[in-house]
Amino acid sequence: MSVYNTPFLLVKRAIDSVLKQDFSDFELIVIDDGSDNGEQKEILNYAIKHQEKITFLRHKNCGQSESINKGVLISSGEFVTIIDADDEYKPGHLTGCLSEMNSFDLIASSTETIVNEVSDYYVPDRFDNNKVVHVDDCIMFATLFGKKEVFTSMKFYNMYGADANFYERAQKQFIVQKLDLRTYVYYRNNPDSLTAKVKFKSVFND
């Protein structure tokens, strides 16, 4: 989990959704990507409270992609996945993803997307910012789940659509598949999220 100036209550919701999973043999690496909103101490204290499951790191701001790359390097698990700091897992999310690893090296999934209005279902097309695509037709960063070797063999690039780019490169080396699990809750009703800001700037402020 990469965190940058996300309100603590949202970070706590995300962390709690991981801690409450029925699959409990995991490590959660929380990486503060140079937050300066004064709430990082609360996140650190919460991580200390659950230090048997959580590792907390902090570095200067370098973006989500680089933060996740660093997290992968220190991870010790057989599998790797991601959760955005303002989203959450449904119960059974990890178990459901793990059950697919007998067939695939890497999966992505559609999400249960929470919106305020219909337009929130759409994001800028990474090939043409004057067009939009439905989130169900995208590869979502935090729904990626796969064998660690997939994540160590390549890195996320610092770019818009880093998730789709990673998935497409993985297709050339590994067995990958997009599924319709919808066990990841994607909050698109947060106006301060990075994707929301990109969307409004690119599509609705012409």
C-alpha atoms as a PDB file:
ATOM      1  CA  MET A   1       0.000   0.000   0.000  1.00  0.00           C
ATOM      2  CA  SER A   2       1.385   3.339  -1.094  1.00  0.00           C
ATOM      3  CA  VAL A   3       0.079   6.303   0.902  1.00  0.00           C
ATOM      4  CA  TYR A   4       0.360   9.944  -0.085  1.00  0.00           C
ATOM      5  CA  ASN A   5      -1.618  12.485   1.980  1.00  0.00           C
ATOM      6  CA  THR A   6      -4.572  10.110   2.288  1.00  0.00           C
ATOM      7  CA  PRO A   7      -6.708  10.894   5.367  1.00  0.00           C
ATOM      8  CA  PHE A   8      -6.002   8.465   8.195  1.00  0.00           C
ATOM      9  CA  LEU A   9      -9.623   7.285   8.444  1.00  0.00           C
ATOM     10  CA  LEU A  10      -9.469   6.068   4.837  1.00  0.00           C
ATOM     11  CA  VAL A  11      -6.067   4.440   5.342  1.00  0.00           C
ATOM     12  CA  LYS A  12      -7.408   2.715   8.472  1.00  0.00           C
ATOM     13  CA  ARG A  13     -10.414   1.435   6.516  1.00  0.00           C
ATOM     14  CA  ALA A  14      -8.092  -0.032   3.889  1.00  0.00           C
ATOM     15  CA  ILE A  15      -5.762  -1.594   6.467  1.00  0.00           C
ATOM     16  CA  ASP A  16      -8.661  -3.038   8.470  1.00  0.00           C
ATOM     17  CA  SER A  17     -10.078  -4.676   5.343  1.00  0.00           C
ATOM     18  CA  VAL A  18      -6.777  -6.522   4.951  1.00  0.00           C
ATOM     19  CA  LEU A  19      -6.513  -7.464   8.613  1.00  0.00           C
ATOM     20  CA  LYS A  20     -10.048  -8.912   8.521  1.00  0.00           C
ATOM     21  CA  GLN A  21      -9.379 -11.275   5.614  1.00  0.00           C
ATOM     22  CA  ASP A  22     -10.070 -14.959   6.260  1.00  0.00           C
ATOM     23  CA  PHE A  23      -6.620 -15.690   4.805  1.00  0.00           C
ATOM     24  CA  SER A  24      -4.210 -14.501   7.481  1.00  0.00           C
ATOM     25  CA  ASP A  25      -0.750 -15.590   6.315  1.00  0.00           C
ATOM     26  CA  PHE A  26       0.239 -12.242   4.817  1.00  0.00           C
ATOM     27  CA  GLU A  27       2.455  -9.231   5.373  1.00  0.00           C
ATOM     28  CA  LEU A  28       1.145  -5.751   4.667  1.00  0.00           C
ATOM     29  CA  ILE A  29       3.814  -3.254   3.640  1.00  0.00           C
ATOM     30  CA  VAL A  30       2.606   0.329   4.060  1.00  0.00           C
ATOM     31  CA  ILE A  31       4.814   2.857   2.280  1.00  0.00           C
ATOM     32  CA  ASP A  32       4.390   6.544   3.061  1.00  0.00           C
ATOM     33  CA  ASP A  33       5.369   8.284  -0.157  1.00  0.00           C
ATOM     34  CA  GLY A  34       6.522  11.541   1.456  1.00  0.00           C
ATOM     35  CA  SER A  35       3.158  12.659   2.876  1.00  0.00           C
ATOM     36  CA  ASP A  36       3.122  16.156   4.362  1.00  0.00           C
ATOM     37  CA  ASN A  37      -0.443  16.390   5.681  1.00  0.00           C
ATOM     38  CA  GLY A  38       0.511  15.659   9.297  1.00  0.00           C
ATOM     39  CA  GLU A  39      -1.352  12.352   9.526  1.00  0.00           C
ATOM     40  CA  GLN A  40       1.576  10.021   8.934  1.00  0.00           C
ATOM     41  CA  LYS A  41       2.128   9.691  12.686  1.00  0.00           C
ATOM     42  CA  GLU A  42      -1.346   8.221  13.073  1.00  0.00           C
ATOM     43  CA  ILE A  43      -0.608   5.727  10.323  1.00  0.00           C
ATOM     44  CA  LEU A  44       2.718   4.826  11.926  1.00  0.00           C
ATOM     45  CA  ASN A  45       1.063   4.354  15.327  1.00  0.00           C
ATOM     46  CA  TYR A  46      -1.577   2.117  13.789  1.00  0.00           C
ATOM     47  CA  ALA A  47       1.101   0.112  12.032  1.00  0.00           C
ATOM     48  CA  ILE A  48       2.948  -0.314  15.335  1.00  0.00           C
ATOM     49  CA  LYS A  49      -0.294  -1.500  16.931  1.00  0.00           C
ATOM     50  CA  HIS A  50      -0.414  -4.270  14.324  1.00  0.00           C
ATOM     51  CA  GLN A  51       3.315  -4.739  13.850  1.00  0.00           C
ATOM     52  CA  GLU A  52       2.983  -8.523  13.674  1.00  0.00           C
ATOM     53  CA  LYS A  53       1.308  -8.000  10.290  1.00  0.00           C
ATOM     54  CA  ILE A  54       2.382  -4.547   9.102  1.00  0.00           C
ATOM     55  CA  THR A  55       5.722  -3.132   8.008  1.00  0.00           C
ATOM     56  CA  PHE A  56       5.824   0.669   7.730  1.00  0.00           C
ATOM     57  CA  LEU A  57       8.272   2.531   5.493  1.00  0.00           C
ATOM     58  CA  ARG A  58       8.656   6.183   4.579  1.00  0.00           C
ATOM     59  CA  HIS A  59      10.636   7.864   1.824  1.00  0.00           C
ATOM     60  CA  LYS A  60      10.598  11.117  -0.081  1.00  0.00           C
ATOM     61  CA  ASN A  61       7.811  11.559  -2.609  1.00  0.00           C
ATOM     62  CA  CYS A  62       8.521   9.556  -5.762  1.00  0.00           C
ATOM     63  CA  GLY A  63       5.094   8.369  -6.871  1.00  0.00           C
ATOM     64  CA  GLN A  64       2.991   5.254  -6.487  1.00  0.00           C
ATOM     65  CA  SER A  65       4.819   3.168  -9.068  1.00  0.00           C
ATOM     66  CA  GLU A  66       8.226   3.595  -7.466  1.00  0.00           C
ATOM     67  CA  SER A  67       6.769   3.065  -3.993  1.00  0.00           C
ATOM     68  CA  ILE A  68       5.213  -0.239  -5.050  1.00  0.00           C
ATOM     69  CA  ASN A  69       8.461  -1.280  -6.744  1.00  0.00           C
ATOM     70  CA  LYS A  70      10.315  -0.716  -3.470  1.00  0.00           C
ATOM     71  CA  GLY A  71       7.663  -2.628  -1.546  1.00  0.00           C
ATOM     72  CA  VAL A  72       8.039  -5.616  -3.856  1.00  0.00           C
ATOM     73  CA  LEU A  73      11.797  -5.677  -3.248  1.00  0.00           C
ATOM     74  CA  ILE A  74      11.418  -6.108   0.508  1.00  0.00           C
ATOM     75  CA  SER A  75       8.396  -8.413   0.407  1.00  0.00           C
ATOM     76  CA  SER A  76       8.907 -12.013   1.480  1.00  0.00           C
ATOM     77  CA  GLY A  77       5.687 -13.641   0.314  1.00  0.00           C
ATOM     78  CA  GLU A  78       5.176 -16.060  -2.554  1.00  0.00           C
ATOM     79  CA  PHE A  79       2.506 -13.778  -4.029  1.00  0.00           C
ATOM     80  CA  VAL A  80       2.144 -10.009  -4.370  1.00  0.00           C
ATOM     81  CA  THR A  81      -0.887  -7.774  -4.558  1.00  0.00           C
ATOM     82  CA  ILE A  82      -1.689  -4.105  -4.009  1.00  0.00           C
ATOM     83  CA  ILE A  83      -4.352  -2.070  -2.251  1.00  0.00           C
ATOM     84  CA  ASP A  84      -4.901   1.652  -2.720  1.00  0.00           C
ATOM     85  CA  ALA A  85      -4.956   3.617   0.522  1.00  0.00           C
ATOM     86  CA  ASP A  86      -8.520   4.874  -0.028  1.00  0.00           C
ATOM     87  CA  ASP A  87     -10.073   1.564  -1.140  1.00  0.00           C
ATOM     88  CA  GLU A  88     -10.803  -1.738   0.590  1.00  0.00           C
ATOM     89  CA  TYR A  89     -11.034  -5.495   0.154  1.00  0.00           C
ATOM     90  CA  LYS A  90     -14.296  -7.377   0.534  1.00  0.00           C
ATOM     91  CA  PRO A  91     -14.196 -10.378   2.883  1.00  0.00           C
ATOM     92  CA  GLY A  92     -12.588 -13.327   1.122  1.00  0.00           C
ATOM     93  CA  HIS A  93     -10.726 -11.211  -1.428  1.00  0.00           C
ATOM     94  CA  LEU A  94      -7.308 -12.763  -0.824  1.00  0.00           C
ATOM     95  CA  THR A  95      -8.700 -16.308  -0.718  1.00  0.00           C
ATOM     96  CA  GLY A  96     -10.520 -15.752  -3.989  1.00  0.00           C
ATOM     97  CA  CYS A  97      -7.430 -14.409  -5.715  1.00  0.00           C
ATOM     98  CA  LEU A  98      -5.217 -17.187  -4.374  1.00  0.00           C
ATOM     99  CA  SER A  99      -7.598 -19.817  -5.759  1.00  0.00           C
ATOM    100  CA  GLU A 100      -6.801 -18.539  -9.268  1.00  0.00           C
ATOM    101  CA  MET A 101      -3.047 -19.023  -8.922  1.00  0.00           C
ATOM    102  CA  ASN A 102      -3.277 -22.678  -9.936  1.00  0.00           C
ATOM    103  CA  SER A 103      -4.272 -21.484 -13.412  1.00  0.00           C
ATOM    104  CA  PHE A 104      -2.542 -18.117 -13.840  1.00  0.00           C
ATOM    105  CA  ASP A 105       0.657 -16.276 -12.962  1.00  0.00           C
ATOM    106  CA  LEU A 106      -1.067 -12.878 -12.767  1.00  0.00           C
ATOM    107  CA  ILE A 107      -4.678 -11.777 -12.633  1.00  0.00           C
ATOM    108  CA  ALA A 108      -6.549  -8.501 -12.692  1.00  0.00           C
ATOM    109  CA  SER A 109     -10.225  -8.090 -11.909  1.00  0.00           C
ATOM    110  CA  SER A 110     -13.222  -5.870 -12.332  1.00  0.00           C
ATOM    111  CA  THR A 111     -14.125  -3.916  -9.203  1.00  0.00           C
ATOM    112  CA  GLU A 112     -17.144  -3.020  -7.154  1.00  0.00           C
ATOM    113  CA  THR A 113     -16.959   0.673  -7.979  1.00  0.00           C
ATOM    114  CA  ILE A 114     -18.507   3.252  -5.658  1.00  0.00           C
ATOM    115  CA  VAL A 115     -19.554   6.453  -7.439  1.00  0.00           C
ATOM    116  CA  ASN A 116     -21.547   9.619  -6.851  1.00  0.00           C
ATOM    117  CA  GLU A 117     -22.643   9.954 -10.459  1.00  0.00           C
ATOM    118  CA  VAL A 118     -22.513   7.983 -13.697  1.00  0.00           C
ATOM    119  CA  SER A 119     -19.552   9.974 -15.028  1.00  0.00           C
ATOM    120  CA  ASP A 120     -17.430   8.577 -12.188  1.00  0.00           C
ATOM    121  CA  TYR A 121     -17.429   5.206 -13.943  1.00  0.00           C
ATOM    122  CA  TYR A 122     -15.242   6.701 -16.660  1.00  0.00           C
ATOM    123  CA  VAL A 123     -11.553   7.596 -16.770  1.00  0.00           C
ATOM    124  CA  PRO A 124      -9.380   9.141 -19.496  1.00  0.00           C
ATOM    125  CA  ASP A 125      -8.246   6.762 -22.210  1.00  0.00           C
ATOM    126  CA  ARG A 126      -4.483   6.347 -21.747  1.00  0.00           C
ATOM    127  CA  PHE A 127      -3.951   6.589 -25.504  1.00  0.00           C
ATOM    128  CA  ASP A 128      -6.194   9.640 -26.012  1.00  0.00           C
ATOM    129  CA  ASN A 129      -7.100  11.876 -23.073  1.00  0.00           C
ATOM    130  CA  ASN A 130      -9.928  13.391 -25.087  1.00  0.00           C
ATOM    131  CA  LYS A 131     -11.733  10.051 -24.816  1.00  0.00           C
ATOM    132  CA  VAL A 132     -12.968   8.131 -21.782  1.00  0.00           C
ATOM    133  CA  VAL A 133     -13.273   4.433 -20.998  1.00  0.00           C
ATOM    134  CA  HIS A 134     -15.372   2.604 -18.402  1.00  0.00           C
ATOM    135  CA  VAL A 135     -13.422   1.358 -15.393  1.00  0.00           C
ATOM    136  CA  ASP A 136     -14.633  -2.188 -16.109  1.00  0.00           C
ATOM    137  CA  ASP A 137     -12.636  -2.045 -19.327  1.00  0.00           C
ATOM    138  CA  CYS A 138      -9.434  -0.982 -17.538  1.00  0.00           C
ATOM    139  CA  ILE A 139      -6.684  -2.847 -15.755  1.00  0.00           C
ATOM    140  CA  MET A 140      -6.862  -1.488 -12.218  1.00  0.00           C
ATOM    141  CA  PHE A 141      -3.566  -1.154 -10.332  1.00  0.00           C
ATOM    142  CA  ALA A 142      -4.782  -2.581  -7.054  1.00  0.00           C
ATOM    143  CA  THR A 143      -6.609  -5.589  -8.519  1.00  0.00           C
ATOM    144  CA  LEU A 144      -3.339  -7.046  -9.776  1.00  0.00           C
ATOM    145  CA  PHE A 145      -2.524 -10.255  -7.906  1.00  0.00           C
ATOM    146  CA  GLY A 146       0.181 -12.672  -8.897  1.00  0.00           C
ATOM    147  CA  LYS A 147       3.255 -14.710  -8.275  1.00  0.00           C
ATOM    148  CA  LYS A 148       6.141 -12.683  -6.914  1.00  0.00           C
ATOM    149  CA  GLU A 149       8.349 -13.601  -9.873  1.00  0.00           C
ATOM    150  CA  VAL A 150       6.031 -11.566 -12.122  1.00  0.00           C
ATOM    151  CA  PHE A 151       6.582  -8.439 -10.022  1.00  0.00           C
ATOM    152  CA  THR A 152      10.332  -8.941  -9.626  1.00  0.00           C
ATOM    153  CA  SER A 153      10.919  -9.571 -13.329  1.00  0.00           C
ATOM    154  CA  MET A 154       9.633  -6.129 -14.314  1.00  0.00           C
ATOM    155  CA  LYS A 155       8.849  -2.790 -12.705  1.00  0.00           C
ATOM    156  CA  PHE A 156       5.960  -0.368 -12.757  1.00  0.00           C
ATOM    157  CA  TYR A 157       6.783   2.733 -14.770  1.00  0.00           C
ATOM    158  CA  ASN A 158       6.002   6.230 -13.510  1.00  0.00           C
ATOM    159  CA  MET A 159       3.259   6.997 -16.011  1.00  0.00           C
ATOM    160  CA  TYR A 160      -0.499   7.268 -16.409  1.00  0.00           C
ATOM    161  CA  GLY A 161      -1.769   3.762 -17.083  1.00  0.00           C
ATOM    162  CA  ALA A 162       1.195   2.129 -15.341  1.00  0.00           C
ATOM    163  CA  ASP A 163      -1.089  -0.736 -14.323  1.00  0.00           C
ATOM    164  CA  ALA A 164      -2.250  -1.529 -17.873  1.00  0.00           C
ATOM    165  CA  ASN A 165       1.291  -1.138 -19.180  1.00  0.00           C
ATOM    166  CA  PHE A 166       2.573  -3.611 -16.578  1.00  0.00           C
ATOM    167  CA  TYR A 167      -0.204  -6.093 -17.411  1.00  0.00           C
ATOM    168  CA  GLU A 168       0.509  -5.909 -21.142  1.00  0.00           C
ATOM    169  CA  ARG A 169       4.219  -6.498 -20.635  1.00  0.00           C
ATOM    170  CA  ALA A 170       3.464  -9.426 -18.327  1.00  0.00           C
ATOM    171  CA  GLN A 171       1.319 -11.009 -21.058  1.00  0.00           C
ATOM    172  CA  LYS A 172       4.465 -11.539 -23.117  1.00  0.00           C
ATOM    173  CA  GLN A 173       6.142 -13.677 -20.429  1.00  0.00           C
ATOM    174  CA  PHE A 174       3.457 -15.116 -18.162  1.00  0.00           C
ATOM    175  CA  ILE A 175      -0.038 -16.588 -18.095  1.00  0.00           C
ATOM    176  CA  VAL A 176      -2.310 -13.662 -17.275  1.00  0.00           C
ATOM    177  CA  GLN A 177      -6.067 -13.172 -17.187  1.00  0.00           C
ATOM    178  CA  LYS A 178      -8.612 -10.514 -16.305  1.00  0.00           C
ATOM    179  CA  LEU A 179     -11.476 -11.915 -14.215  1.00  0.00           C
ATOM    180  CA  ASP A 180     -14.782 -10.641 -12.878  1.00  0.00           C
ATOM    181  CA  LEU A 181     -14.246 -11.316  -9.160  1.00  0.00           C
ATOM    182  CA  ARG A 182     -15.424  -7.871  -7.958  1.00  0.00           C
ATOM    183  CA  THR A 183     -14.043  -8.453  -4.467  1.00  0.00           C
ATOM    184  CA  TYR A 184     -12.076  -5.192  -4.578  1.00  0.00           C
ATOM    185  CA  VAL A 185     -14.009  -2.046  -3.609  1.00  0.00           C
ATOM    186  CA  TYR A 186     -12.871   0.913  -5.680  1.00  0.00           C
ATOM    187  CA  TYR A 187     -14.011   4.293  -4.326  1.00  0.00           C
ATOM    188  CA  ARG A 188     -14.422   6.705  -7.215  1.00  0.00           C
ATOM    189  CA  ASN A 189     -16.473   9.107  -5.094  1.00  0.00           C
ATOM    190  CA  ASN A 190     -13.401  10.646  -3.461  1.00  0.00           C
ATOM    191  CA  PRO A 191     -12.759  13.994  -5.227  1.00  0.00           C
ATOM    192  CA  ASP A 192      -9.227  14.165  -3.821  1.00  0.00           C
ATOM    193  CA  SER A 193      -8.067  10.889  -5.361  1.00  0.00           C
ATOM    194  CA  LEU A 194      -5.438  11.044  -8.099  1.00  0.00           C
ATOM    195  CA  THR A 195      -7.624   9.351 -10.715  1.00  0.00           C
ATOM    196  CA  ALA A 196     -10.537  11.671  -9.993  1.00  0.00           C
ATOM    197  CA  LYS A 197      -8.340  14.732 -10.427  1.00  0.00           C
ATOM    198  CA  VAL A 198      -6.927  13.424 -13.687  1.00  0.00           C
ATOM    199  CA  LYS A 199     -10.392  12.657 -14.965  1.00  0.00           C
ATOM    200  CA  PHE A 200     -11.907  16.033 -14.161  1.00  0.00           C
ATOM    201  CA  LYS A 201      -8.913  17.928 -15.508  1.00  0.00           C
ATOM    202  CA  SER A 202      -8.684  15.963 -18.732  1.00  0.00           C
ATOM    203  CA  VAL A 203     -12.304  15.425 -19.608  1.00  0.00           C
ATOM    204  CA  PHE A 204     -14.563  17.939 -17.967  1.00  0.00           C
ATOM    205  CA  ASN A 205     -12.486  21.108 -17.793  1.00  0.00           C
ATOM    206  CA  ASP A 206     -11.900  21.605 -21.512  1.00  0.00           C
END
